[in-house]
N, C-alpha and C. Protein backbone atom coordinates (compact mmCIF):
# COMPACT_ATOMS: atom_id res chain seq x y z
N MET A 1 34.11 0.44 -51.40
CA MET A 1 32.92 0.14 -52.17
C MET A 1 32.12 1.42 -52.35
N PRO A 2 31.73 1.78 -53.58
CA PRO A 2 30.99 3.01 -53.80
C PRO A 2 29.60 2.95 -53.19
N SER A 3 29.21 4.06 -52.64
CA SER A 3 27.88 4.17 -52.07
C SER A 3 26.88 4.41 -53.18
N THR A 4 25.65 3.93 -52.99
CA THR A 4 24.63 4.12 -54.02
C THR A 4 23.66 5.23 -53.66
N SER A 5 23.92 5.95 -52.57
CA SER A 5 23.01 7.01 -52.17
C SER A 5 23.09 8.17 -53.15
N SER A 6 22.00 8.92 -53.26
CA SER A 6 21.97 10.05 -54.18
C SER A 6 22.92 11.14 -53.75
N ASN A 7 23.18 11.26 -52.43
CA ASN A 7 24.09 12.29 -51.93
C ASN A 7 25.50 12.06 -52.45
N SER A 8 26.01 10.86 -52.35
CA SER A 8 27.37 10.60 -52.80
C SER A 8 27.45 10.64 -54.32
N THR A 9 26.38 10.26 -55.01
CA THR A 9 26.38 10.29 -56.46
C THR A 9 26.46 11.73 -56.96
N SER A 10 25.71 12.63 -56.36
CA SER A 10 25.74 14.01 -56.83
C SER A 10 27.08 14.67 -56.51
N GLN A 11 27.71 14.30 -55.41
CA GLN A 11 29.02 14.87 -55.08
C GLN A 11 30.09 14.33 -56.01
N ASN A 12 30.00 13.08 -56.43
CA ASN A 12 31.00 12.49 -57.29
C ASN A 12 30.94 13.03 -58.71
N ARG A 13 29.87 13.67 -59.09
CA ARG A 13 29.77 14.24 -60.43
C ARG A 13 30.63 15.49 -60.57
N LYS A 14 30.87 16.17 -59.45
CA LYS A 14 31.67 17.38 -59.47
C LYS A 14 33.11 17.02 -59.15
N LEU A 15 34.02 17.61 -59.89
CA LEU A 15 35.44 17.34 -59.70
C LEU A 15 35.96 18.22 -58.57
N SER A 16 36.39 17.60 -57.50
CA SER A 16 36.94 18.36 -56.38
C SER A 16 38.39 18.75 -56.68
N LEU A 17 38.88 19.71 -55.94
CA LEU A 17 40.25 20.17 -56.10
C LEU A 17 41.24 19.03 -55.90
N GLU A 18 41.00 18.21 -54.90
CA GLU A 18 41.91 17.11 -54.61
C GLU A 18 41.97 16.12 -55.78
N ARG A 19 40.83 15.81 -56.34
CA ARG A 19 40.79 14.88 -57.48
C ARG A 19 41.36 15.52 -58.74
N ALA A 20 41.14 16.83 -58.90
CA ALA A 20 41.68 17.54 -60.07
C ALA A 20 43.20 17.55 -60.03
N VAL A 21 43.78 17.73 -58.85
CA VAL A 21 45.24 17.73 -58.73
C VAL A 21 45.79 16.35 -59.07
N MET A 22 45.15 15.29 -58.57
CA MET A 22 45.60 13.94 -58.90
C MET A 22 45.49 13.66 -60.40
N ALA A 23 44.39 14.10 -61.00
CA ALA A 23 44.20 13.89 -62.44
C ALA A 23 45.26 14.66 -63.24
N PHE A 24 45.54 15.89 -62.83
CA PHE A 24 46.54 16.69 -63.52
C PHE A 24 47.93 16.07 -63.39
N ALA A 25 48.27 15.60 -62.20
CA ALA A 25 49.59 14.98 -61.99
C ALA A 25 49.71 13.71 -62.83
N GLY A 26 48.67 12.91 -62.87
CA GLY A 26 48.70 11.70 -63.69
C GLY A 26 48.83 12.02 -65.17
N PHE A 27 48.10 13.03 -65.62
CA PHE A 27 48.19 13.46 -67.01
C PHE A 27 49.60 13.94 -67.34
N MET A 28 50.18 14.74 -66.46
CA MET A 28 51.53 15.25 -66.71
C MET A 28 52.56 14.12 -66.74
N MET A 29 52.38 13.11 -65.91
CA MET A 29 53.30 11.96 -65.93
C MET A 29 53.19 11.21 -67.26
N LEU A 30 51.97 11.02 -67.75
CA LEU A 30 51.78 10.34 -69.04
C LEU A 30 52.34 11.15 -70.20
N VAL A 31 52.12 12.46 -70.18
CA VAL A 31 52.69 13.33 -71.21
C VAL A 31 54.21 13.26 -71.18
N SER A 32 54.77 13.32 -69.98
CA SER A 32 56.22 13.26 -69.83
C SER A 32 56.78 11.94 -70.35
N LEU A 33 56.09 10.86 -70.05
CA LEU A 33 56.52 9.56 -70.53
C LEU A 33 56.51 9.51 -72.06
N GLY A 34 55.44 10.01 -72.66
CA GLY A 34 55.36 10.03 -74.11
C GLY A 34 56.44 10.89 -74.73
N LEU A 35 56.66 12.07 -74.16
CA LEU A 35 57.70 12.95 -74.68
C LEU A 35 59.08 12.33 -74.54
N THR A 36 59.31 11.62 -73.44
CA THR A 36 60.60 10.97 -73.22
C THR A 36 60.84 9.87 -74.25
N VAL A 37 59.81 9.09 -74.53
CA VAL A 37 59.94 7.97 -75.45
C VAL A 37 60.06 8.45 -76.90
N TRP A 38 59.21 9.41 -77.29
CA TRP A 38 59.12 9.74 -78.70
C TRP A 38 59.89 11.00 -79.13
N LEU A 39 60.27 11.86 -78.20
CA LEU A 39 60.96 13.08 -78.60
C LEU A 39 62.41 13.13 -78.11
N SER A 40 62.56 13.09 -76.79
CA SER A 40 63.90 13.23 -76.25
C SER A 40 63.95 12.62 -74.85
N PRO A 41 65.02 11.89 -74.54
CA PRO A 41 65.14 11.33 -73.20
C PRO A 41 65.28 12.40 -72.11
N HIS A 42 65.55 13.63 -72.51
CA HIS A 42 65.67 14.71 -71.53
C HIS A 42 64.33 15.07 -70.87
N PHE A 43 63.23 14.67 -71.49
CA PHE A 43 61.93 14.95 -70.90
C PHE A 43 61.68 14.13 -69.64
N ILE A 44 62.56 13.20 -69.33
CA ILE A 44 62.45 12.46 -68.08
C ILE A 44 62.50 13.41 -66.89
N TRP A 45 63.16 14.56 -67.08
CA TRP A 45 63.24 15.55 -66.00
C TRP A 45 61.88 16.15 -65.66
N LEU A 46 60.97 16.17 -66.61
CA LEU A 46 59.61 16.60 -66.30
C LEU A 46 58.96 15.61 -65.35
N SER A 47 59.17 14.32 -65.57
CA SER A 47 58.65 13.30 -64.65
C SER A 47 59.26 13.46 -63.27
N VAL A 48 60.56 13.71 -63.23
CA VAL A 48 61.25 13.92 -61.95
C VAL A 48 60.64 15.12 -61.22
N PHE A 49 60.41 16.21 -61.94
CA PHE A 49 59.83 17.41 -61.33
C PHE A 49 58.43 17.13 -60.78
N VAL A 50 57.59 16.48 -61.58
CA VAL A 50 56.22 16.18 -61.14
C VAL A 50 56.24 15.27 -59.92
N GLY A 51 57.06 14.22 -59.97
CA GLY A 51 57.15 13.29 -58.84
C GLY A 51 57.67 13.96 -57.58
N ALA A 52 58.70 14.79 -57.73
CA ALA A 52 59.26 15.49 -56.57
C ALA A 52 58.23 16.47 -55.98
N ASN A 53 57.48 17.12 -56.84
CA ASN A 53 56.46 18.05 -56.35
C ASN A 53 55.35 17.31 -55.61
N LEU A 54 54.95 16.16 -56.13
CA LEU A 54 53.94 15.35 -55.42
C LEU A 54 54.46 14.92 -54.06
N PHE A 55 55.71 14.49 -54.03
CA PHE A 55 56.32 14.03 -52.78
C PHE A 55 56.38 15.16 -51.75
N GLN A 56 56.88 16.32 -52.15
CA GLN A 56 57.01 17.41 -51.19
C GLN A 56 55.65 17.93 -50.75
N SER A 57 54.66 17.93 -51.64
CA SER A 57 53.34 18.44 -51.26
C SER A 57 52.64 17.52 -50.27
N ALA A 58 52.99 16.24 -50.29
CA ALA A 58 52.41 15.31 -49.32
C ALA A 58 52.82 15.67 -47.89
N PHE A 59 54.01 16.24 -47.74
CA PHE A 59 54.51 16.58 -46.41
C PHE A 59 54.30 18.05 -46.05
N SER A 60 54.41 18.93 -47.04
CA SER A 60 54.33 20.36 -46.74
C SER A 60 52.93 20.93 -46.94
N GLY A 61 52.13 20.28 -47.77
CA GLY A 61 50.80 20.81 -48.09
C GLY A 61 50.84 21.89 -49.15
N PHE A 62 52.02 22.26 -49.62
CA PHE A 62 52.16 23.30 -50.64
C PHE A 62 52.14 22.66 -52.02
N CYS A 63 51.16 23.05 -52.83
CA CYS A 63 51.04 22.51 -54.18
C CYS A 63 50.69 23.65 -55.13
N PRO A 64 51.63 24.07 -55.97
CA PRO A 64 51.34 25.16 -56.90
C PRO A 64 50.14 24.89 -57.81
N ALA A 65 49.99 23.65 -58.25
CA ALA A 65 48.85 23.32 -59.12
C ALA A 65 47.53 23.52 -58.38
N ALA A 66 47.48 23.13 -57.11
CA ALA A 66 46.25 23.29 -56.32
C ALA A 66 45.93 24.77 -56.11
N ILE A 67 46.96 25.58 -55.90
CA ILE A 67 46.74 27.02 -55.73
C ILE A 67 46.15 27.60 -57.01
N LEU A 68 46.72 27.24 -58.14
CA LEU A 68 46.22 27.74 -59.43
C LEU A 68 44.80 27.26 -59.68
N MET A 69 44.52 26.00 -59.43
CA MET A 69 43.18 25.46 -59.67
C MET A 69 42.16 26.11 -58.74
N ALA A 70 42.54 26.38 -57.50
CA ALA A 70 41.63 27.05 -56.57
C ALA A 70 41.31 28.46 -57.07
N LYS A 71 42.31 29.15 -57.61
CA LYS A 71 42.07 30.49 -58.17
C LYS A 71 41.18 30.43 -59.41
N LEU A 72 41.20 29.31 -60.10
CA LEU A 72 40.34 29.12 -61.26
C LEU A 72 38.91 28.73 -60.87
N GLY A 73 38.69 28.50 -59.57
CA GLY A 73 37.34 28.24 -59.09
C GLY A 73 37.01 26.79 -58.77
N ILE A 74 37.97 25.91 -58.83
CA ILE A 74 37.70 24.51 -58.48
C ILE A 74 37.62 24.41 -56.96
N LYS A 75 36.57 23.80 -56.46
CA LYS A 75 36.32 23.75 -55.02
C LYS A 75 36.83 22.45 -54.41
N THR A 76 37.20 22.53 -53.13
CA THR A 76 37.65 21.35 -52.41
C THR A 76 36.46 20.43 -52.13
N GLN A 77 36.75 19.20 -51.75
CA GLN A 77 35.68 18.26 -51.43
C GLN A 77 34.86 18.77 -50.25
N ALA A 78 35.53 19.40 -49.28
CA ALA A 78 34.82 19.95 -48.12
C ALA A 78 33.85 21.05 -48.56
N GLN A 79 34.27 21.90 -49.47
CA GLN A 79 33.38 22.96 -49.97
C GLN A 79 32.20 22.38 -50.73
N LEU A 80 32.45 21.36 -51.54
CA LEU A 80 31.36 20.73 -52.29
C LEU A 80 30.36 20.06 -51.35
N THR A 81 30.86 19.40 -50.31
CA THR A 81 29.99 18.76 -49.33
C THR A 81 29.16 19.80 -48.60
N HIS A 82 29.79 20.90 -48.20
CA HIS A 82 29.08 21.97 -47.50
C HIS A 82 27.98 22.54 -48.37
N GLU A 83 28.28 22.78 -49.64
CA GLU A 83 27.26 23.30 -50.56
C GLU A 83 26.10 22.33 -50.71
N GLU A 84 26.43 21.05 -50.81
CA GLU A 84 25.39 20.03 -50.96
C GLU A 84 24.48 19.99 -49.73
N LEU A 85 25.10 20.02 -48.56
CA LEU A 85 24.31 19.99 -47.32
C LEU A 85 23.47 21.25 -47.16
N THR A 86 24.03 22.39 -47.52
CA THR A 86 23.29 23.65 -47.45
C THR A 86 22.11 23.64 -48.41
N HIS A 87 22.34 23.15 -49.61
CA HIS A 87 21.27 23.05 -50.60
C HIS A 87 20.16 22.13 -50.12
N LYS A 88 20.55 21.00 -49.50
CA LYS A 88 19.56 20.06 -48.97
C LYS A 88 18.74 20.70 -47.86
N ALA A 89 19.43 21.42 -46.96
CA ALA A 89 18.74 22.04 -45.82
C ALA A 89 17.78 23.11 -46.30
N LEU A 90 18.16 23.87 -47.30
CA LEU A 90 17.29 24.93 -47.79
C LEU A 90 16.11 24.40 -48.59
N SER A 91 16.25 23.24 -49.19
CA SER A 91 15.16 22.69 -49.99
C SER A 91 14.14 21.93 -49.16
N GLN A 92 14.39 21.77 -47.88
CA GLN A 92 13.43 21.03 -47.04
C GLN A 92 12.37 21.94 -46.48
């Protein structure tokens, strides 16, 4: 159940790295499905690649998309929470 506090609302407005990776993986799966249906059945291999990468990253923690997104400046949920708490402490 979503919290109605202002703290959780302000954190949910920012896209964390973890949520960005999930959104990107979902988007890539939908693109792959569309390409498979409308262009060529060989695009199913893109779905296989995305699914296999999600599976291996669950166990190894290695995710190329997360590394790239972190380099682009997307922050983890822990970093966003830390920033929020620091901002709150400084504003008091």
